[in-house]
Amino acid sequence: MIRAAGLALALGLATPGALAAQSLAERLNDYPTEVRADYVFGCMASNGQSRESLRKCACSIDEIAAILPYDKYVEAETVLSLRLTGGERMAIFNSSAMTDGIVAELRRAQAEAEVVCFF
């Protein structure tokens, strides 16, 4: 990507502003389609299988993606998944300030998305 951007600049095919806008767009759309679809399916299972629910759930994951970088989303989802796993080895994920903070970021993004998309 960086090589291609440098080559495009050298050939005069792109401007620095265009590259900055492109990287911003990429950062805002860094969630893979599969992850977005998985979120929408889960959301619709909780909120009904209607066209309106589809619209609201798609809006919700878009809002979350705009607030929370994908790597932070993956961290939070991993912690939540590990919290469901029982056993002594997983206890650290249930009661650590670090993991609580990671999950809290996701919860804040979800709450904001709910306000924007569901009300």
PDB file of N, CA and C in Angstrom:
ATOM      1  N   MET A   1       0.835  -1.186   0.000  1.00  0.00           N
ATOM      2  CA  MET A   1       0.000   0.000   0.000  1.00  0.00           C
ATOM      3  C   MET A   1       0.880   1.250   0.000  1.00  0.00           C
ATOM      4  N   ILE A   2       1.860   1.286   0.912  1.00  0.00           N
ATOM      5  CA  ILE A   2       2.732   2.452   0.997  1.00  0.00           C
ATOM      6  C   ILE A   2       3.542   2.593  -0.284  1.00  0.00           C
ATOM      7  N   ARG A   3       4.026   1.464  -0.803  1.00  0.00           N
ATOM      8  CA  ARG A   3       4.768   1.504  -2.056  1.00  0.00           C
ATOM      9  C   ARG A   3       3.919   2.036  -3.194  1.00  0.00           C
ATOM     10  N   ALA A   4       2.692   1.540  -3.271  1.00  0.00           N
ATOM     11  CA  ALA A   4       1.789   1.979  -4.332  1.00  0.00           C
ATOM     12  C   ALA A   4       1.474   3.460  -4.191  1.00  0.00           C
ATOM     13  N   ALA A   5       1.305   3.931  -2.968  1.00  0.00           N
ATOM     14  CA  ALA A   5       1.013   5.345  -2.737  1.00  0.00           C
ATOM     15  C   ALA A   5       2.211   6.193  -3.150  1.00  0.00           C
ATOM     16  N   GLY A   6       3.408   5.736  -2.805  1.00  0.00           N
ATOM     17  CA  GLY A   6       4.619   6.468  -3.186  1.00  0.00           C
ATOM     18  C   GLY A   6       4.794   6.496  -4.692  1.00  0.00           C
ATOM     19  N   LEU A   7       4.531   5.371  -5.348  1.00  0.00           N
ATOM     20  CA  LEU A   7       4.631   5.300  -6.799  1.00  0.00           C
ATOM     21  C   LEU A   7       3.601   6.212  -7.456  1.00  0.00           C
ATOM     22  N   ALA A   8       2.384   6.221  -6.942  1.00  0.00           N
ATOM     23  CA  ALA A   8       1.330   7.075  -7.497  1.00  0.00           C
ATOM     24  C   ALA A   8       1.702   8.545  -7.344  1.00  0.00           C
ATOM     25  N   LEU A   9       2.281   8.888  -6.206  1.00  0.00           N
ATOM     26  CA  LEU A   9       2.720  10.275  -5.989  1.00  0.00           C
ATOM     27  C   LEU A   9       3.838  10.634  -6.952  1.00  0.00           C
ATOM     28  N   ALA A  10       4.797   9.724  -7.101  1.00  0.00           N
ATOM     29  CA  ALA A  10       5.940   9.979  -7.982  1.00  0.00           C
ATOM     30  C   ALA A  10       5.490  10.153  -9.429  1.00  0.00           C
ATOM     31  N   LEU A  11       4.504   9.423  -9.840  1.00  0.00           N
ATOM     32  CA  LEU A  11       4.007   9.521 -11.210  1.00  0.00           C
ATOM     33  C   LEU A  11       3.012  10.656 -11.380  1.00  0.00           C
ATOM     34  N   GLY A  12       2.678  11.320 -10.297  1.00  0.00           N
ATOM     35  CA  GLY A  12       1.740  12.434 -10.371  1.00  0.00           C
ATOM     36  C   GLY A  12       0.299  11.994 -10.500  1.00  0.00           C
ATOM     37  N   LEU A  13       0.005  10.741 -10.136  1.00  0.00           N
ATOM     38  CA  LEU A  13      -1.349  10.227 -10.260  1.00  0.00           C
ATOM     39  C   LEU A  13      -2.210  10.527  -9.038  1.00  0.00           C
ATOM     40  N   ALA A  14      -1.571  10.892  -7.936  1.00  0.00           N
ATOM     41  CA  ALA A  14      -2.324  11.175  -6.711  1.00  0.00           C
ATOM     42  C   ALA A  14      -1.698  12.367  -6.010  1.00  0.00           C
ATOM     43  N   THR A  15      -2.496  13.039  -5.248  1.00  0.00           N
ATOM     44  CA  THR A  15      -1.998  14.167  -4.471  1.00  0.00           C
ATOM     45  C   THR A  15      -1.906  13.756  -3.011  1.00  0.00           C
ATOM     46  N   PRO A  16      -1.085  14.431  -2.227  1.00  0.00           N
ATOM     47  CA  PRO A  16      -0.996  14.077  -0.809  1.00  0.00           C
ATOM     48  C   PRO A  16      -2.355  14.160  -0.107  1.00  0.00           C
ATOM     49  N   GLY A  17      -3.172  15.136  -0.459  1.00  0.00           N
ATOM     50  CA  GLY A  17      -4.499  15.260   0.147  1.00  0.00           C
ATOM     51  C   GLY A  17      -5.381  14.064  -0.175  1.00  0.00           C
ATOM     52  N   ALA A  18      -5.297  13.570  -1.389  1.00  0.00           N
ATOM     53  CA  ALA A  18      -6.088  12.412  -1.788  1.00  0.00           C
ATOM     54  C   ALA A  18      -5.656  11.177  -1.008  1.00  0.00           C
ATOM     55  N   LEU A  19      -4.338  11.053  -0.794  1.00  0.00           N
ATOM     56  CA  LEU A  19      -3.846   9.919  -0.026  1.00  0.00           C
ATOM     57  C   LEU A  19      -4.279  10.013   1.434  1.00  0.00           C
ATOM     58  N   ALA A  20      -4.284  11.199   1.999  1.00  0.00           N
ATOM     59  CA  ALA A  20      -4.733  11.375   3.377  1.00  0.00           C
ATOM     60  C   ALA A  20      -6.211  11.034   3.487  1.00  0.00           C
ATOM     61  N   ALA A  21      -7.006  11.473   2.528  1.00  0.00           N
ATOM     62  CA  ALA A  21      -8.436  11.165   2.530  1.00  0.00           C
ATOM     63  C   ALA A  21      -8.654   9.666   2.370  1.00  0.00           C
ATOM     64  N   GLN A  22      -7.844   9.041   1.527  1.00  0.00           N
ATOM     65  CA  GLN A  22      -7.971   7.611   1.317  1.00  0.00           C
ATOM     66  C   GLN A  22      -7.653   6.856   2.604  1.00  0.00           C
ATOM     67  N   SER A  23      -6.598   7.220   3.303  1.00  0.00           N
ATOM     68  CA  SER A  23      -6.253   6.508   4.523  1.00  0.00           C
ATOM     69  C   SER A  23      -7.315   6.739   5.592  1.00  0.00           C
ATOM     70  N   LEU A  24      -7.922   7.922   5.637  1.00  0.00           N
ATOM     71  CA  LEU A  24      -9.012   8.180   6.573  1.00  0.00           C
ATOM     72  C   LEU A  24     -10.190   7.277   6.244  1.00  0.00           C
ATOM     73  N   ALA A  25     -10.522   7.175   4.975  1.00  0.00           N
ATOM     74  CA  ALA A  25     -11.629   6.310   4.560  1.00  0.00           C
ATOM     75  C   ALA A  25     -11.330   4.854   4.908  1.00  0.00           C
ATOM     76  N   GLU A  26     -10.099   4.436   4.703  1.00  0.00           N
ATOM     77  CA  GLU A  26      -9.732   3.068   5.045  1.00  0.00           C
ATOM     78  C   GLU A  26      -9.846   2.829   6.545  1.00  0.00           C
ATOM     79  N   ARG A  27      -9.428   3.815   7.354  1.00  0.00           N
ATOM     80  CA  ARG A  27      -9.519   3.662   8.805  1.00  0.00           C
ATOM     81  C   ARG A  27     -10.976   3.568   9.241  1.00  0.00           C
ATOM     82  N   LEU A  28     -11.855   4.322   8.605  1.00  0.00           N
ATOM     83  CA  LEU A  28     -13.267   4.281   8.962  1.00  0.00           C
ATOM     84  C   LEU A  28     -13.952   3.016   8.465  1.00  0.00           C
ATOM     85  N   ASN A  29     -13.344   2.329   7.530  1.00  0.00           N
ATOM     86  CA  ASN A  29     -13.937   1.117   6.972  1.00  0.00           C
ATOM     87  C   ASN A  29     -12.977  -0.058   7.144  1.00  0.00           C
ATOM     88  N   ASP A  30     -12.414  -0.201   8.352  1.00  0.00           N
ATOM     89  CA  ASP A  30     -11.452  -1.267   8.553  1.00  0.00           C
ATOM     90  C   ASP A  30     -12.084  -2.544   9.106  1.00  0.00           C
ATOM     91  N   TYR A  31     -13.384  -2.550   9.314  1.00  0.00           N
ATOM     92  CA  TYR A  31     -14.064  -3.758   9.772  1.00  0.00           C
ATOM     93  C   TYR A  31     -14.341  -4.640   8.556  1.00  0.00           C
ATOM     94  N   PRO A  32     -13.919  -5.899   8.579  1.00  0.00           N
ATOM     95  CA  PRO A  32     -14.217  -6.793   7.454  1.00  0.00           C
ATOM     96  C   PRO A  32     -15.726  -6.992   7.295  1.00  0.00           C
ATOM     97  N   THR A  33     -16.149  -7.213   6.094  1.00  0.00           N
ATOM     98  CA  THR A  33     -17.572  -7.411   5.794  1.00  0.00           C
ATOM     99  C   THR A  33     -18.140  -8.553   6.623  1.00  0.00           C
ATOM    100  N   GLU A  34     -17.389  -9.622   6.790  1.00  0.00           N
ATOM    101  CA  GLU A  34     -17.853 -10.775   7.564  1.00  0.00           C
ATOM    102  C   GLU A  34     -18.166 -10.383   9.009  1.00  0.00           C
ATOM    103  N   VAL A  35     -17.348  -9.530   9.591  1.00  0.00           N
ATOM    104  CA  VAL A  35     -17.562  -9.080  10.969  1.00  0.00           C
ATOM    105  C   VAL A  35     -18.808  -8.209  11.051  1.00  0.00           C
ATOM    106  N   ARG A  36     -18.957  -7.304  10.081  1.00  0.00           N
ATOM    107  CA  ARG A  36     -20.159  -6.460  10.053  1.00  0.00           C
ATOM    108  C   ARG A  36     -21.416  -7.327   9.902  1.00  0.00           C
ATOM    109  N   ALA A  37     -21.368  -8.295   8.999  1.00  0.00           N
ATOM    110  CA  ALA A  37     -22.527  -9.166   8.781  1.00  0.00           C
ATOM    111  C   ALA A  37     -22.840  -9.980  10.037  1.00  0.00           C
ATOM    112  N   ASP A  38     -21.819 -10.499  10.697  1.00  0.00           N
ATOM    113  CA  ASP A  38     -22.010 -11.275  11.915  1.00  0.00           C
ATOM    114  C   ASP A  38     -22.691 -10.429  12.991  1.00  0.00           C
ATOM    115  N   TYR A  39     -22.256  -9.181  13.116  1.00  0.00           N
ATOM    116  CA  TYR A  39     -22.873  -8.274  14.087  1.00  0.00           C
ATOM    117  C   TYR A  39     -24.344  -8.039  13.735  1.00  0.00           C
ATOM    118  N   VAL A  40     -24.617  -7.794  12.467  1.00  0.00           N
ATOM    119  CA  VAL A  40     -26.000  -7.521  12.033  1.00  0.00           C
ATOM    120  C   VAL A  40     -26.879  -8.747  12.284  1.00  0.00           C
ATOM    121  N   PHE A  41     -26.381  -9.954  11.984  1.00  0.00           N
ATOM    122  CA  PHE A  41     -27.172 -11.159  12.230  1.00  0.00           C
ATOM    123  C   PHE A  41     -27.499 -11.304  13.709  1.00  0.00           C
ATOM    124  N   GLY A  42     -26.509 -11.098  14.583  1.00  0.00           N
ATOM    125  CA  GLY A  42     -26.738 -11.182  16.013  1.00  0.00           C
ATOM    126  C   GLY A  42     -27.696 -10.119  16.508  1.00  0.00           C
ATOM    127  N   CYS A  43     -27.531  -8.929  16.006  1.00  0.00           N
ATOM    128  CA  CYS A  43     -28.401  -7.817  16.375  1.00  0.00           C
ATOM    129  C   CYS A  43     -29.837  -8.100  15.942  1.00  0.00           C
ATOM    130  N   MET A  44     -30.000  -8.612  14.740  1.00  0.00           N
ATOM    131  CA  MET A  44     -31.347  -8.911  14.250  1.00  0.00           C
ATOM    132  C   MET A  44     -31.980 -10.066  15.022  1.00  0.00           C
ATOM    133  N   ALA A  45     -31.172 -11.007  15.471  1.00  0.00           N
ATOM    134  CA  ALA A  45     -31.711 -12.097  16.283  1.00  0.00           C
ATOM    135  C   ALA A  45     -32.281 -11.551  17.589  1.00  0.00           C
ATOM    136  N   SER A  46     -31.683 -10.473  18.087  1.00  0.00           N
ATOM    137  CA  SER A  46     -32.151  -9.865  19.340  1.00  0.00           C
ATOM    138  C   SER A  46     -33.278  -8.866  19.131  1.00  0.00           C
ATOM    139  N   ASN A  47     -33.356  -8.267  17.942  1.00  0.00           N
ATOM    140  CA  ASN A  47     -34.286  -7.155  17.711  1.00  0.00           C
ATOM    141  C   ASN A  47     -35.365  -7.437  16.682  1.00  0.00           C
ATOM    142  N   GLY A  48     -35.413  -8.646  16.162  1.00  0.00           N
ATOM    143  CA  GLY A  48     -36.453  -8.990  15.195  1.00  0.00           C
ATOM    144  C   GLY A  48     -35.895  -9.107  13.786  1.00  0.00           C
ATOM    145  N   GLN A  49     -36.547  -9.905  13.011  1.00  0.00           N
ATOM    146  CA  GLN A  49     -36.109 -10.213  11.650  1.00  0.00           C
ATOM    147  C   GLN A  49     -36.890  -9.380  10.628  1.00  0.00           C
ATOM    148  N   SER A  50     -36.834  -8.084  10.776  1.00  0.00           N
ATOM    149  CA  SER A  50     -37.581  -7.219   9.866  1.00  0.00           C
ATOM    150  C   SER A  50     -36.624  -6.318   9.079  1.00  0.00           C
ATOM    151  N   ARG A  51     -37.154  -5.709   8.058  1.00  0.00           N
ATOM    152  CA  ARG A  51     -36.367  -4.756   7.253  1.00  0.00           C
ATOM    153  C   ARG A  51     -35.910  -3.581   8.122  1.00  0.00           C
ATOM    154  N   GLU A  52     -36.791  -3.108   8.998  1.00  0.00           N
ATOM    155  CA  GLU A  52     -36.464  -2.003   9.905  1.00  0.00           C
ATOM    156  C   GLU A  52     -35.335  -2.399  10.857  1.00  0.00           C
ATOM    157  N   SER A  53     -35.389  -3.622  11.354  1.00  0.00           N
ATOM    158  CA  SER A  53     -34.333  -4.124  12.240  1.00  0.00           C
ATOM    159  C   SER A  53     -33.003  -4.220  11.487  1.00  0.00           C
ATOM    160  N   LEU A  54     -33.050  -4.671  10.245  1.00  0.00           N
ATOM    161  CA  LEU A  54     -31.848  -4.730   9.412  1.00  0.00           C
ATOM    162  C   LEU A  54     -31.226  -3.350   9.273  1.00  0.00           C
ATOM    163  N   ARG A  55     -32.046  -2.349   8.993  1.00  0.00           N
ATOM    164  CA  ARG A  55     -31.541  -0.983   8.830  1.00  0.00           C
ATOM    165  C   ARG A  55     -30.904  -0.476  10.118  1.00  0.00           C
ATOM    166  N   LYS A  56     -31.576  -0.692  11.236  1.00  0.00           N
ATOM    167  CA  LYS A  56     -31.060  -0.216  12.522  1.00  0.00           C
ATOM    168  C   LYS A  56     -29.783  -0.947  12.919  1.00  0.00           C
ATOM    169  N   CYS A  57     -29.742  -2.239  12.702  1.00  0.00           N
ATOM    170  CA  CYS A  57     -28.557  -3.021  13.068  1.00  0.00           C
ATOM    171  C   CYS A  57     -27.363  -2.675  12.183  1.00  0.00           C
ATOM    172  N   ALA A  58     -27.591  -2.459  10.896  1.00  0.00           N
ATOM    173  CA  ALA A  58     -26.510  -2.039   9.999  1.00  0.00           C
ATOM    174  C   ALA A  58     -25.997  -0.667  10.407  1.00  0.00           C
ATOM    175  N   CYS A  59     -26.897   0.229  10.762  1.00  0.00           N
ATOM    176  CA  CYS A  59     -26.520   1.551  11.256  1.00  0.00           C
ATOM    177  C   CYS A  59     -25.664   1.411  12.509  1.00  0.00           C
ATOM    178  N   SER A  60     -26.061   0.507  13.387  1.00  0.00           N
ATOM    179  CA  SER A  60     -25.370   0.319  14.657  1.00  0.00           C
ATOM    180  C   SER A  60     -23.912  -0.099  14.458  1.00  0.00           C
ATOM    181  N   ILE A  61     -23.662  -1.084  13.611  1.00  0.00           N
ATOM    182  CA  ILE A  61     -22.269  -1.517  13.411  1.00  0.00           C
ATOM    183  C   ILE A  61     -21.468  -0.435  12.694  1.00  0.00           C
ATOM    184  N   ASP A  62     -22.102   0.335  11.831  1.00  0.00           N
ATOM    185  CA  ASP A  62     -21.411   1.447  11.176  1.00  0.00           C
ATOM    186  C   ASP A  62     -20.999   2.502  12.204  1.00  0.00           C
ATOM    187  N   GLU A  63     -21.876   2.791  13.158  1.00  0.00           N
ATOM    188  CA  GLU A  63     -21.557   3.756  14.217  1.00  0.00           C
ATOM    189  C   GLU A  63     -20.428   3.237  15.102  1.00  0.00           C
ATOM    190  N   ILE A  64     -20.507   1.968  15.467  1.00  0.00           N
ATOM    191  CA  ILE A  64     -19.457   1.374  16.295  1.00  0.00           C
ATOM    192  C   ILE A  64     -18.129   1.442  15.567  1.00  0.00           C
ATOM    193  N   ALA A  65     -18.134   1.130  14.279  1.00  0.00           N
ATOM    194  CA  ALA A  65     -16.901   1.163  13.487  1.00  0.00           C
ATOM    195  C   ALA A  65     -16.328   2.570  13.393  1.00  0.00           C
ATOM    196  N   ALA A  66     -17.186   3.581  13.389  1.00  0.00           N
ATOM    197  CA  ALA A  66     -16.716   4.965  13.329  1.00  0.00           C
ATOM    198  C   ALA A  66     -16.115   5.406  14.664  1.00  0.00           C
ATOM    199  N   ILE A  67     -16.540   4.781  15.753  1.00  0.00           N
ATOM    200  CA  ILE A  67     -16.073   5.163  17.077  1.00  0.00           C
ATOM    201  C   ILE A  67     -14.866   4.347  17.519  1.00  0.00           C
ATOM    202  N   LEU A  68     -14.902   3.049  17.271  1.00  0.00           N
ATOM    203  CA  LEU A  68     -13.926   2.113  17.822  1.00  0.00           C
ATOM    204  C   LEU A  68     -13.123   1.472  16.698  1.00  0.00           C
ATOM    205  N   PRO A  69     -11.793   1.619  16.716  1.00  0.00           N
ATOM    206  CA  PRO A  69     -10.982   0.953  15.695  1.00  0.00           C
ATOM    207  C   PRO A  69     -11.197  -0.565  15.743  1.00  0.00           C
ATOM    208  N   TYR A  70     -11.034  -1.213  14.615  1.00  0.00           N
ATOM    209  CA  TYR A  70     -11.298  -2.644  14.520  1.00  0.00           C
ATOM    210  C   TYR A  70     -10.475  -3.457  15.512  1.00  0.00           C
ATOM    211  N   ASP A  71      -9.210  -3.114  15.705  1.00  0.00           N
ATOM    212  CA  ASP A  71      -8.386  -3.895  16.622  1.00  0.00           C
ATOM    213  C   ASP A  71      -8.928  -3.825  18.057  1.00  0.00           C
ATOM    214  N   LYS A  72      -9.474  -2.686  18.460  1.00  0.00           N
ATOM    215  CA  LYS A  72     -10.091  -2.550  19.786  1.00  0.00           C
ATOM    216  C   LYS A  72     -11.377  -3.373  19.865  1.00  0.00           C
ATOM    217  N   TYR A  73     -12.128  -3.409  18.773  1.00  0.00           N
ATOM    218  CA  TYR A  73     -13.346  -4.211  18.710  1.00  0.00           C
ATOM    219  C   TYR A  73     -13.005  -5.693  18.894  1.00  0.00           C
ATOM    220  N   VAL A  74     -11.964  -6.153  18.205  1.00  0.00           N
ATOM    221  CA  VAL A  74     -11.542  -7.550  18.305  1.00  0.00           C
ATOM    222  C   VAL A  74     -11.104  -7.866  19.737  1.00  0.00           C
ATOM    223  N   GLU A  75     -10.344  -6.965  20.350  1.00  0.00           N
ATOM    224  CA  GLU A  75      -9.919  -7.179  21.741  1.00  0.00           C
ATOM    225  C   GLU A  75     -11.123  -7.348  22.657  1.00  0.00           C
ATOM    226  N   ALA A  76     -12.087  -6.460  22.541  1.00  0.00           N
ATOM    227  CA  ALA A  76     -13.267  -6.502  23.411  1.00  0.00           C
ATOM    228  C   ALA A  76     -14.088  -7.769  23.157  1.00  0.00           C
ATOM    229  N   GLU A  77     -14.295  -8.123  21.913  1.00  0.00           N
ATOM    230  CA  GLU A  77     -15.040  -9.338  21.594  1.00  0.00           C
ATOM    231  C   GLU A  77     -14.313 -10.575  22.114  1.00  0.00           C
ATOM    232  N   THR A  78     -12.991 -10.569  22.055  1.00  0.00           N
ATOM    233  CA  THR A  78     -12.206 -11.690  22.570  1.00  0.00           C
ATOM    234  C   THR A  78     -12.374 -11.809  24.080  1.00  0.00           C
ATOM    235  N   VAL A  79     -12.272 -10.694  24.781  1.00  0.00           N
ATOM    236  CA  VAL A  79     -12.453 -10.705  26.240  1.00  0.00           C
ATOM    237  C   VAL A  79     -13.850 -11.211  26.586  1.00  0.00           C
ATOM    238  N   LEU A  80     -14.866 -10.713  25.899  1.00  0.00           N
ATOM    239  CA  LEU A  80     -16.233 -11.153  26.178  1.00  0.00           C
ATOM    240  C   LEU A  80     -16.391 -12.653  25.931  1.00  0.00           C
ATOM    241  N   SER A  81     -15.770 -13.143  24.873  1.00  0.00           N
ATOM    242  CA  SER A  81     -15.826 -14.566  24.563  1.00  0.00           C
ATOM    243  C   SER A  81     -15.123 -15.384  25.643  1.00  0.00           C
ATOM    244  N   LEU A  82     -13.971 -14.919  26.089  1.00  0.00           N
ATOM    245  CA  LEU A  82     -13.223 -15.641  27.116  1.00  0.00           C
ATOM    246  C   LEU A  82     -13.935 -15.594  28.461  1.00  0.00           C
ATOM    247  N   ARG A  83     -14.701 -14.552  28.706  1.00  0.00           N
ATOM    248  CA  ARG A  83     -15.471 -14.473  29.952  1.00  0.00           C
ATOM    249  C   ARG A  83     -16.557 -15.539  30.008  1.00  0.00           C
ATOM    250  N   LEU A  84     -17.008 -15.980  28.854  1.00  0.00           N
ATOM    251  CA  LEU A  84     -18.020 -17.035  28.810  1.00  0.00           C
ATOM    252  C   LEU A  84     -17.426 -18.411  29.082  1.00  0.00           C
ATOM    253  N   THR A  85     -16.113 -18.524  28.913  1.00  0.00           N
ATOM    254  CA  THR A  85     -15.420 -19.780  29.136  1.00  0.00           C
ATOM    255  C   THR A  85     -15.136 -19.917  30.627  1.00  0.00           C
ATOM    256  N   GLY A  86     -15.480 -21.047  31.169  1.00  0.00           N
ATOM    257  CA  GLY A  86     -15.259 -21.265  32.593  1.00  0.00           C
ATOM    258  C   GLY A  86     -13.824 -21.691  32.882  1.00  0.00           C
ATOM    259  N   GLY A  87     -13.538 -21.815  34.123  1.00  0.00           N
ATOM    260  CA  GLY A  87     -12.246 -22.347  34.529  1.00  0.00           C
ATOM    261  C   GLY A  87     -11.358 -21.322  35.184  1.00  0.00           C
ATOM    262  N   GLU A  88     -10.410 -21.857  35.903  1.00  0.00           N
ATOM    263  CA  GLU A  88      -9.463 -21.048  36.667  1.00  0.00           C
ATOM    264  C   GLU A  88      -8.594 -20.172  35.776  1.00  0.00           C
ATOM    265  N   ARG A  89      -8.196 -20.698  34.646  1.00  0.00           N
ATOM    266  CA  ARG A  89      -7.294 -19.974  33.759  1.00  0.00           C
ATOM    267  C   ARG A  89      -7.954 -18.737  33.140  1.00  0.00           C
ATOM    268  N   MET A  90      -9.266 -18.725  33.068  1.00  0.00           N
ATOM    269  CA  MET A  90      -9.978 -17.614  32.445  1.00  0.00           C
ATOM    270  C   MET A  90     -10.416 -16.563  33.457  1.00  0.00           C
ATOM    271  N   ALA A  91     -10.159 -16.799  34.729  1.00  0.00           N
ATOM    272  CA  ALA A  91     -10.597 -15.880  35.786  1.00  0.00           C
ATOM    273  C   ALA A  91     -10.025 -14.481  35.607  1.00  0.00           C
ATOM    274  N   ILE A  92      -8.828 -14.368  35.062  1.00  0.00           N
ATOM    275  CA  ILE A  92      -8.207 -13.049  34.862  1.00  0.00           C
ATOM    276  C   ILE A  92      -9.053 -12.164  33.951  1.00  0.00           C
ATOM    277  N   PHE A  93      -9.779 -12.755  33.030  1.00  0.00           N
ATOM    278  CA  PHE A  93     -10.597 -11.974  32.106  1.00  0.00           C
ATOM    279  C   PHE A  93     -11.885 -11.478  32.756  1.00  0.00           C
ATOM    280  N   ASN A  94     -12.236 -12.056  33.887  1.00  0.00           N
ATOM    281  CA  ASN A  94     -13.461 -11.665  34.583  1.00  0.00           C
ATOM    282  C   ASN A  94     -13.261 -10.530  35.566  1.00  0.00           C
ATOM    283  N   SER A  95     -12.046 -10.327  36.036  1.00  0.00           N
ATOM    284  CA  SER A  95     -11.882  -9.382  37.138  1.00  0.00           C
ATOM    285  C   SER A  95     -10.670  -8.465  37.013  1.00  0.00           C
ATOM    286  N   SER A  96     -10.196  -8.242  35.837  1.00  0.00           N
ATOM    287  CA  SER A  96      -9.031  -7.382  35.675  1.00  0.00           C
ATOM    288  C   SER A  96      -9.451  -5.990  35.212  1.00  0.00           C
ATOM    289  N   ALA A  97      -8.801  -4.989  35.753  1.00  0.00           N
ATOM    290  CA  ALA A  97      -9.117  -3.603  35.369  1.00  0.00           C
ATOM    291  C   ALA A  97      -8.837  -3.370  33.892  1.00  0.00           C
ATOM    292  N   MET A  98      -7.795  -3.993  33.367  1.00  0.00           N
ATOM    293  CA  MET A  98      -7.449  -3.823  31.956  1.00  0.00           C
ATOM    294  C   MET A  98      -8.559  -4.379  31.055  1.00  0.00           C
ATOM    295  N   THR A  99      -9.016  -5.593  31.362  1.00  0.00           N
ATOM    296  CA  THR A  99     -10.056  -6.174  30.513  1.00  0.00           C
ATOM    297  C   THR A  99     -11.388  -5.456  30.699  1.00  0.00           C
ATOM    298  N   ASP A 100     -11.646  -4.981  31.912  1.00  0.00           N
ATOM    299  CA  ASP A 100     -12.871  -4.201  32.138  1.00  0.00           C
ATOM    300  C   ASP A 100     -12.858  -2.928  31.291  1.00  0.00           C
ATOM    301  N   GLY A 101     -11.700  -2.290  31.177  1.00  0.00           N
ATOM    302  CA  GLY A 101     -11.571  -1.080  30.363  1.00  0.00           C
ATOM    303  C   GLY A 101     -11.785  -1.354  28.889  1.00  0.00           C
ATOM    304  N   ILE A 102     -11.262  -2.472  28.423  1.00  0.00           N
ATOM    305  CA  ILE A 102     -11.409  -2.855  27.016  1.00  0.00           C
ATOM    306  C   ILE A 102     -12.891  -3.060  26.683  1.00  0.00           C
ATOM    307  N   VAL A 103     -13.596  -3.776  27.555  1.00  0.00           N
ATOM    308  CA  VAL A 103     -15.018  -4.042  27.333  1.00  0.00           C
ATOM    309  C   VAL A 103     -15.833  -2.757  27.478  1.00  0.00           C
ATOM    310  N   ALA A 104     -15.441  -1.892  28.412  1.00  0.00           N
ATOM    311  CA  ALA A 104     -16.163  -0.633  28.620  1.00  0.00           C
ATOM    312  C   ALA A 104     -16.132   0.237  27.370  1.00  0.00           C
ATOM    313  N   GLU A 105     -14.995   0.236  26.638  1.00  0.00           N
ATOM    314  CA  GLU A 105     -14.916   1.006  25.385  1.00  0.00           C
ATOM    315  C   GLU A 105     -15.942   0.513  24.381  1.00  0.00           C
ATOM    316  N   LEU A 106     -16.062  -0.806  24.262  1.00  0.00           N
ATOM    317  CA  LEU A 106     -17.045  -1.371  23.338  1.00  0.00           C
ATOM    318  C   LEU A 106     -18.462  -1.040  23.798  1.00  0.00           C
ATOM    319  N   ARG A 107     -18.718  -1.156  25.074  1.00  0.00           N
ATOM    320  CA  ARG A 107     -20.058  -0.859  25.602  1.00  0.00           C
ATOM    321  C   ARG A 107     -20.443   0.604  25.354  1.00  0.00           C
ATOM    322  N   ARG A 108     -19.481   1.518  25.510  1.00  0.00           N
ATOM    323  CA  ARG A 108     -19.758   2.934  25.237  1.00  0.00           C
ATOM    324  C   ARG A 108     -20.096   3.143  23.764  1.00  0.00           C
ATOM    325  N   ALA A 109     -19.334   2.502  22.879  1.00  0.00           N
ATOM    326  CA  ALA A 109     -19.599   2.618  21.446  1.00  0.00           C
ATOM    327  C   ALA A 109     -20.967   2.034  21.113  1.00  0.00           C
ATOM    328  N   GLN A 110     -21.317   0.905  21.721  1.00  0.00           N
ATOM    329  CA  GLN A 110     -22.620   0.296  21.482  1.00  0.00           C
ATOM    330  C   GLN A 110     -23.747   1.189  21.983  1.00  0.00           C
ATOM    331  N   ALA A 111     -23.546   1.805  23.136  1.00  0.00           N
ATOM    332  CA  ALA A 111     -24.579   2.696  23.686  1.00  0.00           C
ATOM    333  C   ALA A 111     -24.791   3.901  22.781  1.00  0.00           C
ATOM    334  N   GLU A 112     -23.698   4.475  22.282  1.00  0.00           N
ATOM    335  CA  GLU A 112     -23.835   5.614  21.375  1.00  0.00           C
ATOM    336  C   GLU A 112     -24.518   5.196  20.078  1.00  0.00           C
ATOM    337  N   ALA A 113     -24.151   4.034  19.571  1.00  0.00           N
ATOM    338  CA  ALA A 113     -24.778   3.523  18.348  1.00  0.00           C
ATOM    339  C   ALA A 113     -26.272   3.277  18.563  1.00  0.00           C
ATOM    340  N   GLU A 114     -26.631   2.796  19.740  1.00  0.00           N
ATOM    341  CA  GLU A 114     -28.046   2.560  20.022  1.00  0.00           C
ATOM    342  C   GLU A 114     -28.834   3.863  20.036  1.00  0.00           C
ATOM    343  N   VAL A 115     -28.249   4.899  20.622  1.00  0.00           N
ATOM    344  CA  VAL A 115     -28.924   6.193  20.662  1.00  0.00           C
ATOM    345  C   VAL A 115     -29.112   6.738  19.246  1.00  0.00           C
ATOM    346  N   VAL A 116     -28.077   6.629  18.424  1.00  0.00           N
ATOM    347  CA  VAL A 116     -28.138   7.165  17.063  1.00  0.00           C
ATOM    348  C   VAL A 116     -29.070   6.343  16.180  1.00  0.00           C
ATOM    349  N   CYS A 117     -29.046   5.036  16.320  1.00  0.00           N
ATOM    350  CA  CYS A 117     -29.726   4.171  15.349  1.00  0.00           C
ATOM    351  C   CYS A 117     -31.086   3.641  15.776  1.00  0.00           C
ATOM    352  N   PHE A 118     -31.324   3.540  17.064  1.00  0.00           N
ATOM    353  CA  PHE A 118     -32.552   2.899  17.516  1.00  0.00           C
ATOM    354  C   PHE A 118     -33.588   3.861  18.079  1.00  0.00           C
ATOM    355  N   PHE A 119     -33.225   5.135  18.239  1.00  0.00           N
ATOM    356  CA  PHE A 119     -34.178   6.093  18.794  1.00  0.00           C
ATOM    357  C   PHE A 119     -34.481   7.196  17.815  1.00  0.00           C
TER     358      PHE A 119
END
